[in-house]
Protein backbone atom coordinates (compact mmCIF):
# COMPACT_ATOMS: atom_id res chain seq x y z
CA UNK A 1 0.00 0.00 0.00
CA UNK A 2 1.45 3.34 -0.96
CA UNK A 3 1.59 6.27 1.40
CA UNK A 4 -0.92 8.08 -0.80
CA UNK A 5 -3.36 5.20 -0.52
CA UNK A 6 -2.88 5.05 3.23
CA UNK A 7 -3.39 8.79 3.55
CA UNK A 8 -6.48 8.65 1.36
CA UNK A 9 -7.99 5.91 3.51
CA UNK A 10 -7.33 7.98 6.63
CA UNK A 11 -8.99 11.02 5.07
CA UNK A 12 -12.00 8.94 4.01
CA UNK A 13 -12.37 7.48 7.50
CA UNK A 14 -12.25 10.96 9.01
CA UNK A 15 -14.77 12.31 6.49
CA UNK A 16 -17.21 9.48 7.04
CA UNK A 17 -16.99 9.97 10.81
CA UNK A 18 -18.09 13.59 10.36
CA UNK A 19 -21.01 13.00 7.97
CA UNK A 20 -24.49 12.72 9.49
CA UNK A 21 -26.46 12.57 6.23
CA UNK A 22 -27.92 9.04 6.31
CA UNK A 23 -28.88 9.01 2.61
CA UNK A 24 -25.38 10.08 1.62
CA UNK A 25 -23.81 7.43 3.87
CA UNK A 26 -26.09 4.77 2.36
CA UNK A 27 -24.97 5.86 -1.11
CA UNK A 28 -21.32 5.51 -0.06
CA UNK A 29 -22.05 2.09 1.42
CA UNK A 30 -23.73 1.02 -1.81
CA UNK A 31 -20.62 2.02 -3.77
CA UNK A 32 -18.35 0.18 -1.34
CA UNK A 33 -20.53 -2.94 -1.39
CA UNK A 34 -19.85 -3.25 -5.12
CA UNK A 35 -16.09 -3.19 -4.58
CA UNK A 36 -15.54 -4.94 -1.25
CA UNK A 37 -16.74 -8.35 -0.16
CA UNK A 38 -15.59 -9.42 3.30
CA UNK A 39 -14.05 -12.86 3.29
CA UNK A 40 -15.59 -15.38 5.59
CA UNK A 41 -13.03 -17.11 7.75
CA UNK A 42 -13.33 -20.83 7.19
CA UNK A 43 -13.26 -22.89 10.38
CA UNK A 44 -12.06 -26.44 9.88
CA UNK A 45 -12.83 -29.27 12.25
CA UNK A 46 -9.93 -31.24 13.72
CA UNK A 47 -10.91 -34.14 11.44
CA UNK A 48 -10.77 -31.91 8.34
CA UNK A 49 -7.36 -30.59 9.37
CA UNK A 50 -6.15 -34.16 9.89
CA UNK A 51 -7.41 -35.20 6.44
CA UNK A 52 -5.67 -32.23 4.82
CA UNK A 53 -2.37 -33.12 6.48
CA UNK A 54 -2.79 -36.75 5.38
CA UNK A 55 -3.45 -35.61 1.81
CA UNK A 56 -0.37 -33.35 1.83
CA UNK A 57 1.78 -36.23 3.06
CA UNK A 58 0.33 -38.53 0.41
CA UNK A 59 1.18 -35.99 -2.31
CA UNK A 60 4.74 -35.68 -0.98
CA UNK A 61 5.05 -39.45 -1.36
CA UNK A 62 3.88 -39.25 -4.98
CA UNK A 63 0.44 -40.73 -4.34
CA UNK A 64 -1.85 -38.56 -6.46
CA UNK A 65 -3.64 -38.43 -9.80
CA UNK A 66 -3.22 -35.87 -12.53
CA UNK A 67 -6.37 -34.03 -13.65
CA UNK A 68 -6.52 -36.20 -16.77
CA UNK A 69 -6.20 -39.38 -14.72
CA UNK A 70 -8.90 -38.23 -12.31
CA UNK A 71 -11.22 -37.28 -15.21
CA UNK A 72 -10.77 -40.72 -16.80
CA UNK A 73 -11.44 -42.45 -13.47
CA UNK A 74 -14.61 -40.43 -12.84
CA UNK A 75 -15.82 -41.08 -16.39
CA UNK A 76 -15.22 -44.80 -15.85
CA UNK A 77 -17.18 -44.76 -12.59
CA UNK A 78 -20.07 -42.88 -14.20
CA UNK A 79 -20.27 -45.41 -17.01
CA UNK A 80 -20.31 -48.48 -14.76
PDB file of N, CA and C in Angstrom:
ATOM      1  N   UNK A   1       0.856  -1.170   0.000  1.00  0.00           N
ATOM      2  CA  UNK A   1       0.000   0.000   0.000  1.00  0.00           C
ATOM      3  C   UNK A   1       0.902   1.233   0.000  1.00  0.00           C
ATOM      4  N   UNK A   2       0.641   2.133  -0.894  1.00  0.00           N
ATOM      5  CA  UNK A   2       1.446   3.341  -0.964  1.00  0.00           C
ATOM      6  C   UNK A   2       1.033   4.315   0.130  1.00  0.00           C
ATOM      7  N   UNK A   3       1.906   5.253   0.411  1.00  0.00           N
ATOM      8  CA  UNK A   3       1.592   6.270   1.404  1.00  0.00           C
ATOM      9  C   UNK A   3       0.355   7.047   0.981  1.00  0.00           C
ATOM     10  N   UNK A   4       0.249   7.348  -0.323  1.00  0.00           N
ATOM     11  CA  UNK A   4      -0.916   8.083  -0.799  1.00  0.00           C
ATOM     12  C   UNK A   4      -2.205   7.311  -0.540  1.00  0.00           C
ATOM     13  N   UNK A   5      -2.181   6.023  -0.773  1.00  0.00           N
ATOM     14  CA  UNK A   5      -3.359   5.195  -0.517  1.00  0.00           C
ATOM     15  C   UNK A   5      -3.692   5.191   0.963  1.00  0.00           C
ATOM     16  N   UNK A   6      -2.668   5.050   1.776  1.00  0.00           N
ATOM     17  CA  UNK A   6      -2.885   5.046   3.229  1.00  0.00           C
ATOM     18  C   UNK A   6      -3.452   6.384   3.694  1.00  0.00           C
ATOM     19  N   UNK A   7      -2.895   7.468   3.181  1.00  0.00           N
ATOM     20  CA  UNK A   7      -3.388   8.795   3.553  1.00  0.00           C
ATOM     21  C   UNK A   7      -4.830   8.986   3.088  1.00  0.00           C
ATOM     22  N   UNK A   8      -5.126   8.522   1.889  1.00  0.00           N
ATOM     23  CA  UNK A   8      -6.482   8.650   1.360  1.00  0.00           C
ATOM     24  C   UNK A   8      -7.480   7.887   2.222  1.00  0.00           C
ATOM     25  N   UNK A   9      -7.111   6.691   2.637  1.00  0.00           N
ATOM     26  CA  UNK A   9      -7.989   5.906   3.511  1.00  0.00           C
ATOM     27  C   UNK A   9      -8.234   6.643   4.829  1.00  0.00           C
ATOM     28  N   UNK A  10      -7.184   7.225   5.388  1.00  0.00           N
ATOM     29  CA  UNK A  10      -7.326   7.976   6.634  1.00  0.00           C
ATOM     30  C   UNK A  10      -8.276   9.154   6.449  1.00  0.00           C
ATOM     31  N   UNK A  11      -8.108   9.883   5.346  1.00  0.00           N
ATOM     32  CA  UNK A  11      -8.991  11.016   5.069  1.00  0.00           C
ATOM     33  C   UNK A  11     -10.440  10.568   4.892  1.00  0.00           C
ATOM     34  N   UNK A  12     -10.634   9.453   4.202  1.00  0.00           N
ATOM     35  CA  UNK A  12     -11.996   8.941   4.011  1.00  0.00           C
ATOM     36  C   UNK A  12     -12.628   8.540   5.338  1.00  0.00           C
ATOM     37  N   UNK A  13     -11.861   7.866   6.186  1.00  0.00           N
ATOM     38  CA  UNK A  13     -12.370   7.479   7.504  1.00  0.00           C
ATOM     39  C   UNK A  13     -12.801   8.716   8.287  1.00  0.00           C
ATOM     40  N   UNK A  14     -11.939   9.727   8.279  1.00  0.00           N
ATOM     41  CA  UNK A  14     -12.253  10.955   9.008  1.00  0.00           C
ATOM     42  C   UNK A  14     -13.503  11.627   8.443  1.00  0.00           C
ATOM     43  N   UNK A  15     -13.603  11.676   7.126  1.00  0.00           N
ATOM     44  CA  UNK A  15     -14.766  12.309   6.487  1.00  0.00           C
ATOM     45  C   UNK A  15     -16.050  11.579   6.843  1.00  0.00           C
ATOM     46  N   UNK A  16     -16.017  10.274   6.754  1.00  0.00           N
ATOM     47  CA  UNK A  16     -17.206   9.476   7.044  1.00  0.00           C
ATOM     48  C   UNK A  16     -17.644   9.674   8.493  1.00  0.00           C
ATOM     49  N   UNK A  17     -16.679   9.749   9.395  1.00  0.00           N
ATOM     50  CA  UNK A  17     -16.993   9.966  10.813  1.00  0.00           C
ATOM     51  C   UNK A  17     -17.730  11.286  11.037  1.00  0.00           C
ATOM     52  N   UNK A  18     -17.510  12.260  10.166  1.00  0.00           N
ATOM     53  CA  UNK A  18     -18.092  13.591  10.360  1.00  0.00           C
ATOM     54  C   UNK A  18     -19.338  13.841   9.510  1.00  0.00           C
ATOM     55  N   UNK A  19     -19.816  12.842   8.796  1.00  0.00           N
ATOM     56  CA  UNK A  19     -21.014  12.999   7.966  1.00  0.00           C
ATOM     57  C   UNK A  19     -22.208  12.409   8.712  1.00  0.00           C
ATOM     58  N   UNK A  20     -23.277  13.183   8.825  1.00  0.00           N
ATOM     59  CA  UNK A  20     -24.491  12.723   9.492  1.00  0.00           C
ATOM     60  C   UNK A  20     -25.656  12.508   8.520  1.00  0.00           C
ATOM     61  N   UNK A  21     -25.424  12.725   7.248  1.00  0.00           N
ATOM     62  CA  UNK A  21     -26.459  12.569   6.231  1.00  0.00           C
ATOM     63  C   UNK A  21     -26.630  11.078   5.916  1.00  0.00           C
ATOM     64  N   UNK A  22     -27.715  10.486   6.446  1.00  0.00           N
ATOM     65  CA  UNK A  22     -27.923   9.044   6.307  1.00  0.00           C
ATOM     66  C   UNK A  22     -28.026   8.613   4.855  1.00  0.00           C
ATOM     67  N   UNK A  23     -28.733   9.364   4.027  1.00  0.00           N
ATOM     68  CA  UNK A  23     -28.884   9.013   2.610  1.00  0.00           C
ATOM     69  C   UNK A  23     -27.526   9.013   1.910  1.00  0.00           C
ATOM     70  N   UNK A  24     -26.706   9.997   2.223  1.00  0.00           N
ATOM     71  CA  UNK A  24     -25.376  10.076   1.622  1.00  0.00           C
ATOM     72  C   UNK A  24     -24.516   8.891   2.071  1.00  0.00           C
ATOM     73  N   UNK A  25     -24.571   8.567   3.350  1.00  0.00           N
ATOM     74  CA  UNK A  25     -23.812   7.433   3.873  1.00  0.00           C
ATOM     75  C   UNK A  25     -24.271   6.112   3.240  1.00  0.00           C
ATOM     76  N   UNK A  26     -25.582   5.973   3.023  1.00  0.00           N
ATOM     77  CA  UNK A  26     -26.093   4.769   2.359  1.00  0.00           C
ATOM     78  C   UNK A  26     -25.580   4.692   0.923  1.00  0.00           C
ATOM     79  N   UNK A  27     -25.491   5.837   0.255  1.00  0.00           N
ATOM     80  CA  UNK A  27     -24.965   5.863  -1.109  1.00  0.00           C
ATOM     81  C   UNK A  27     -23.498   5.429  -1.133  1.00  0.00           C
ATOM     82  N   UNK A  28     -22.729   5.917  -0.165  1.00  0.00           N
ATOM     83  CA  UNK A  28     -21.320   5.510  -0.064  1.00  0.00           C
ATOM     84  C   UNK A  28     -21.221   4.009   0.203  1.00  0.00           C
ATOM     85  N   UNK A  29     -22.067   3.521   1.105  1.00  0.00           N
ATOM     86  CA  UNK A  29     -22.050   2.088   1.419  1.00  0.00           C
ATOM     87  C   UNK A  29     -22.388   1.268   0.186  1.00  0.00           C
ATOM     88  N   UNK A  30     -23.352   1.719  -0.586  1.00  0.00           N
ATOM     89  CA  UNK A  30     -23.733   1.021  -1.807  1.00  0.00           C
ATOM     90  C   UNK A  30     -22.546   0.931  -2.772  1.00  0.00           C
ATOM     91  N   UNK A  31     -21.809   2.022  -2.911  1.00  0.00           N
ATOM     92  CA  UNK A  31     -20.620   2.021  -3.775  1.00  0.00           C
ATOM     93  C   UNK A  31     -19.586   1.031  -3.242  1.00  0.00           C
ATOM     94  N   UNK A  32     -19.345   1.068  -1.941  1.00  0.00           N
ATOM     95  CA  UNK A  32     -18.346   0.182  -1.340  1.00  0.00           C
ATOM     96  C   UNK A  32     -18.753  -1.286  -1.438  1.00  0.00           C
ATOM     97  N   UNK A  33     -20.049  -1.560  -1.301  1.00  0.00           N
ATOM     98  CA  UNK A  33     -20.528  -2.941  -1.386  1.00  0.00           C
ATOM     99  C   UNK A  33     -20.231  -3.558  -2.746  1.00  0.00           C
ATOM    100  N   UNK A  34     -20.144  -2.740  -3.780  1.00  0.00           N
ATOM    101  CA  UNK A  34     -19.852  -3.253  -5.117  1.00  0.00           C
ATOM    102  C   UNK A  34     -18.366  -3.546  -5.303  1.00  0.00           C
ATOM    103  N   UNK A  35     -17.531  -3.011  -4.452  1.00  0.00           N
ATOM    104  CA  UNK A  35     -16.090  -3.193  -4.576  1.00  0.00           C
ATOM    105  C   UNK A  35     -15.514  -4.152  -3.544  1.00  0.00           C
ATOM    106  N   UNK A  36     -16.115  -4.176  -2.359  1.00  0.00           N
ATOM    107  CA  UNK A  36     -15.541  -4.937  -1.252  1.00  0.00           C
ATOM    108  C   UNK A  36     -16.492  -6.019  -0.784  1.00  0.00           C
ATOM    109  N   UNK A  37     -15.975  -7.245  -0.718  1.00  0.00           N
ATOM    110  CA  UNK A  37     -16.744  -8.351  -0.159  1.00  0.00           C
ATOM    111  C   UNK A  37     -15.904  -8.957   0.963  1.00  0.00           C
ATOM    112  N   UNK A  38     -16.369  -8.840   2.201  1.00  0.00           N
ATOM    113  CA  UNK A  38     -15.591  -9.419   3.297  1.00  0.00           C
ATOM    114  C   UNK A  38     -15.460 -10.932   3.118  1.00  0.00           C
ATOM    115  N   UNK A  39     -14.296 -11.436   3.404  1.00  0.00           N
ATOM    116  CA  UNK A  39     -14.046 -12.857   3.287  1.00  0.00           C
ATOM    117  C   UNK A  39     -14.410 -13.561   4.587  1.00  0.00           C
ATOM    118  N   UNK A  40     -15.206 -14.590   4.429  1.00  0.00           N
ATOM    119  CA  UNK A  40     -15.588 -15.381   5.589  1.00  0.00           C
ATOM    120  C   UNK A  40     -14.414 -16.248   6.006  1.00  0.00           C
ATOM    121  N   UNK A  41     -14.106 -16.249   7.276  1.00  0.00           N
ATOM    122  CA  UNK A  41     -13.034 -17.111   7.752  1.00  0.00           C
ATOM    123  C   UNK A  41     -13.577 -18.531   7.854  1.00  0.00           C
ATOM    124  N   UNK A  42     -12.895 -19.445   7.211  1.00  0.00           N
ATOM    125  CA  UNK A  42     -13.334 -20.833   7.194  1.00  0.00           C
ATOM    126  C   UNK A  42     -12.779 -21.532   8.429  1.00  0.00           C
ATOM    127  N   UNK A  43     -13.668 -22.148   9.183  1.00  0.00           N
ATOM    128  CA  UNK A  43     -13.263 -22.893  10.376  1.00  0.00           C
ATOM    129  C   UNK A  43     -13.295 -24.378  10.048  1.00  0.00           C
ATOM    130  N   UNK A  44     -12.150 -25.016  10.147  1.00  0.00           N
ATOM    131  CA  UNK A  44     -12.059 -26.443   9.881  1.00  0.00           C
ATOM    132  C   UNK A  44     -12.146 -27.237  11.182  1.00  0.00           C
ATOM    133  N   UNK A  45     -12.773 -28.386  11.085  1.00  0.00           N
ATOM    134  CA  UNK A  45     -12.834 -29.269  12.248  1.00  0.00           C
ATOM    135  C   UNK A  45     -11.475 -29.957  12.391  1.00  0.00           C
ATOM    136  N   UNK A  46     -11.191 -30.495  13.556  1.00  0.00           N
ATOM    137  CA  UNK A  46      -9.933 -31.238  13.721  1.00  0.00           C
ATOM    138  C   UNK A  46      -9.821 -32.387  12.707  1.00  0.00           C
ATOM    139  N   UNK A  47     -10.932 -33.049  12.412  1.00  0.00           N
ATOM    140  CA  UNK A  47     -10.911 -34.143  11.437  1.00  0.00           C
ATOM    141  C   UNK A  47     -10.550 -33.630  10.042  1.00  0.00           C
ATOM    142  N   UNK A  48     -11.098 -32.480   9.647  1.00  0.00           N
ATOM    143  CA  UNK A  48     -10.773 -31.914   8.342  1.00  0.00           C
ATOM    144  C   UNK A  48      -9.297 -31.530   8.266  1.00  0.00           C
ATOM    145  N   UNK A  49      -8.777 -30.947   9.340  1.00  0.00           N
ATOM    146  CA  UNK A  49      -7.357 -30.595   9.373  1.00  0.00           C
ATOM    147  C   UNK A  49      -6.484 -31.838   9.254  1.00  0.00           C
ATOM    148  N   UNK A  50      -6.887 -32.889   9.938  1.00  0.00           N
ATOM    149  CA  UNK A  50      -6.146 -34.156   9.889  1.00  0.00           C
ATOM    150  C   UNK A  50      -6.148 -34.717   8.472  1.00  0.00           C
ATOM    151  N   UNK A  51      -7.310 -34.681   7.803  1.00  0.00           N
ATOM    152  CA  UNK A  51      -7.413 -35.199   6.435  1.00  0.00           C
ATOM    153  C   UNK A  51      -6.555 -34.386   5.462  1.00  0.00           C
ATOM    154  N   UNK A  52      -6.499 -33.081   5.668  1.00  0.00           N
ATOM    155  CA  UNK A  52      -5.670 -32.231   4.815  1.00  0.00           C
ATOM    156  C   UNK A  52      -4.197 -32.581   4.995  1.00  0.00           C
ATOM    157  N   UNK A  53      -3.765 -32.752   6.216  1.00  0.00           N
ATOM    158  CA  UNK A  53      -2.374 -33.122   6.476  1.00  0.00           C
ATOM    159  C   UNK A  53      -2.049 -34.485   5.873  1.00  0.00           C
ATOM    160  N   UNK A  54      -2.994 -35.435   5.978  1.00  0.00           N
ATOM    161  CA  UNK A  54      -2.785 -36.751   5.377  1.00  0.00           C
ATOM    162  C   UNK A  54      -2.659 -36.634   3.857  1.00  0.00           C
ATOM    163  N   UNK A  55      -3.492 -35.796   3.257  1.00  0.00           N
ATOM    164  CA  UNK A  55      -3.445 -35.609   1.808  1.00  0.00           C
ATOM    165  C   UNK A  55      -2.123 -34.976   1.381  1.00  0.00           C
ATOM    166  N   UNK A  56      -1.648 -33.983   2.147  1.00  0.00           N
ATOM    167  CA  UNK A  56      -0.369 -33.352   1.831  1.00  0.00           C
ATOM    168  C   UNK A  56       0.768 -34.375   1.888  1.00  0.00           C
ATOM    169  N   UNK A  57       0.745 -35.211   2.904  1.00  0.00           N
ATOM    170  CA  UNK A  57       1.783 -36.232   3.057  1.00  0.00           C
ATOM    171  C   UNK A  57       1.715 -37.237   1.907  1.00  0.00           C
ATOM    172  N   UNK A  58       0.518 -37.609   1.520  1.00  0.00           N
ATOM    173  CA  UNK A  58       0.327 -38.532   0.408  1.00  0.00           C
ATOM    174  C   UNK A  58       0.891 -37.943  -0.887  1.00  0.00           C
ATOM    175  N   UNK A  59       0.653 -36.661  -1.107  1.00  0.00           N
ATOM    176  CA  UNK A  59       1.176 -35.990  -2.306  1.00  0.00           C
ATOM    177  C   UNK A  59       2.699 -35.965  -2.279  1.00  0.00           C
ATOM    178  N   UNK A  60       3.277 -35.679  -1.100  1.00  0.00           N
ATOM    179  CA  UNK A  60       4.743 -35.679  -0.978  1.00  0.00           C
ATOM    180  C   UNK A  60       5.333 -37.031  -1.356  1.00  0.00           C
ATOM    181  N   UNK A  61       4.582 -38.105  -1.072  1.00  0.00           N
ATOM    182  CA  UNK A  61       5.054 -39.454  -1.358  1.00  0.00           C
ATOM    183  C   UNK A  61       4.758 -39.867  -2.802  1.00  0.00           C
ATOM    184  N   UNK A  62       4.156 -38.959  -3.569  1.00  0.00           N
ATOM    185  CA  UNK A  62       3.883 -39.255  -4.975  1.00  0.00           C
ATOM    186  C   UNK A  62       2.572 -39.967  -5.216  1.00  0.00           C
ATOM    187  N   UNK A  63       1.729 -40.049  -4.209  1.00  0.00           N
ATOM    188  CA  UNK A  63       0.439 -40.727  -4.338  1.00  0.00           C
ATOM    189  C   UNK A  63      -0.652 -39.725  -4.695  1.00  0.00           C
ATOM    190  N   UNK A  64      -0.811 -39.471  -5.992  1.00  0.00           N
ATOM    191  CA  UNK A  64      -1.847 -38.556  -6.456  1.00  0.00           C
ATOM    192  C   UNK A  64      -2.147 -38.855  -7.917  1.00  0.00           C
ATOM    193  N   UNK A  65      -3.250 -38.298  -8.395  1.00  0.00           N
ATOM    194  CA  UNK A  65      -3.643 -38.432  -9.796  1.00  0.00           C
ATOM    195  C   UNK A  65      -3.508 -37.081 -10.479  1.00  0.00           C
ATOM    196  N   UNK A  66      -3.175 -37.106 -11.766  1.00  0.00           N
ATOM    197  CA  UNK A  66      -3.220 -35.866 -12.534  1.00  0.00           C
ATOM    198  C   UNK A  66      -4.691 -35.568 -12.816  1.00  0.00           C
ATOM    199  N   UNK A  67      -4.984 -34.362 -13.300  1.00  0.00           N
ATOM    200  CA  UNK A  67      -6.373 -34.028 -13.645  1.00  0.00           C
ATOM    201  C   UNK A  67      -6.908 -34.970 -14.709  1.00  0.00           C
ATOM    202  N   UNK A  68      -6.088 -35.279 -15.711  1.00  0.00           N
ATOM    203  CA  UNK A  68      -6.524 -36.196 -16.772  1.00  0.00           C
ATOM    204  C   UNK A  68      -6.829 -37.583 -16.212  1.00  0.00           C
ATOM    205  N   UNK A  69      -5.969 -38.068 -15.337  1.00  0.00           N
ATOM    206  CA  UNK A  69      -6.200 -39.379 -14.724  1.00  0.00           C
ATOM    207  C   UNK A  69      -7.482 -39.378 -13.894  1.00  0.00           C
ATOM    208  N   UNK A  70      -7.697 -38.321 -13.137  1.00  0.00           N
ATOM    209  CA  UNK A  70      -8.902 -38.226 -12.313  1.00  0.00           C
ATOM    210  C   UNK A  70     -10.142 -38.155 -13.196  1.00  0.00           C
ATOM    211  N   UNK A  71     -10.084 -37.375 -14.280  1.00  0.00           N
ATOM    212  CA  UNK A  71     -11.220 -37.283 -15.212  1.00  0.00           C
ATOM    213  C   UNK A  71     -11.555 -38.642 -15.805  1.00  0.00           C
ATOM    214  N   UNK A  72     -10.541 -39.390 -16.214  1.00  0.00           N
ATOM    215  CA  UNK A  72     -10.769 -40.723 -16.798  1.00  0.00           C
ATOM    216  C   UNK A  72     -11.383 -41.665 -15.769  1.00  0.00           C
ATOM    217  N   UNK A  73     -10.914 -41.591 -14.528  1.00  0.00           N
ATOM    218  CA  UNK A  73     -11.435 -42.447 -13.469  1.00  0.00           C
ATOM    219  C   UNK A  73     -12.895 -42.117 -13.175  1.00  0.00           C
ATOM    220  N   UNK A  74     -13.232 -40.845 -13.099  1.00  0.00           N
ATOM    221  CA  UNK A  74     -14.611 -40.434 -12.840  1.00  0.00           C
ATOM    222  C   UNK A  74     -15.514 -40.856 -14.001  1.00  0.00           C
ATOM    223  N   UNK A  75     -15.035 -40.667 -15.220  1.00  0.00           N
ATOM    224  CA  UNK A  75     -15.815 -41.084 -16.394  1.00  0.00           C
ATOM    225  C   UNK A  75     -16.072 -42.583 -16.346  1.00  0.00           C
ATOM    226  N   UNK A  76     -15.063 -43.350 -15.970  1.00  0.00           N
ATOM    227  CA  UNK A  76     -15.224 -44.800 -15.849  1.00  0.00           C
ATOM    228  C   UNK A  76     -16.281 -45.139 -14.798  1.00  0.00           C
ATOM    229  N   UNK A  77     -16.206 -44.490 -13.640  1.00  0.00           N
ATOM    230  CA  UNK A  77     -17.183 -44.758 -12.586  1.00  0.00           C
ATOM    231  C   UNK A  77     -18.593 -44.406 -13.029  1.00  0.00           C
ATOM    232  N   UNK A  78     -18.747 -43.299 -13.750  1.00  0.00           N
ATOM    233  CA  UNK A  78     -20.073 -42.879 -14.198  1.00  0.00           C
ATOM    234  C   UNK A  78     -20.659 -43.805 -15.248  1.00  0.00           C
ATOM    235  N   UNK A  79     -19.810 -44.506 -15.953  1.00  0.00           N
ATOM    236  CA  UNK A  79     -20.268 -45.411 -17.008  1.00  0.00           C
ATOM    237  C   UNK A  79     -20.437 -46.853 -16.528  1.00  0.00           C
ATOM    238  N   UNK A  80     -20.149 -47.109 -15.288  1.00  0.00           N
ATOM    239  CA  UNK A  80     -20.306 -48.480 -14.758  1.00  0.00           C
ATOM    240  C   UNK A  80     -21.742 -48.765 -14.380  1.00  0.00           C
TER     241      UNK A  80
END
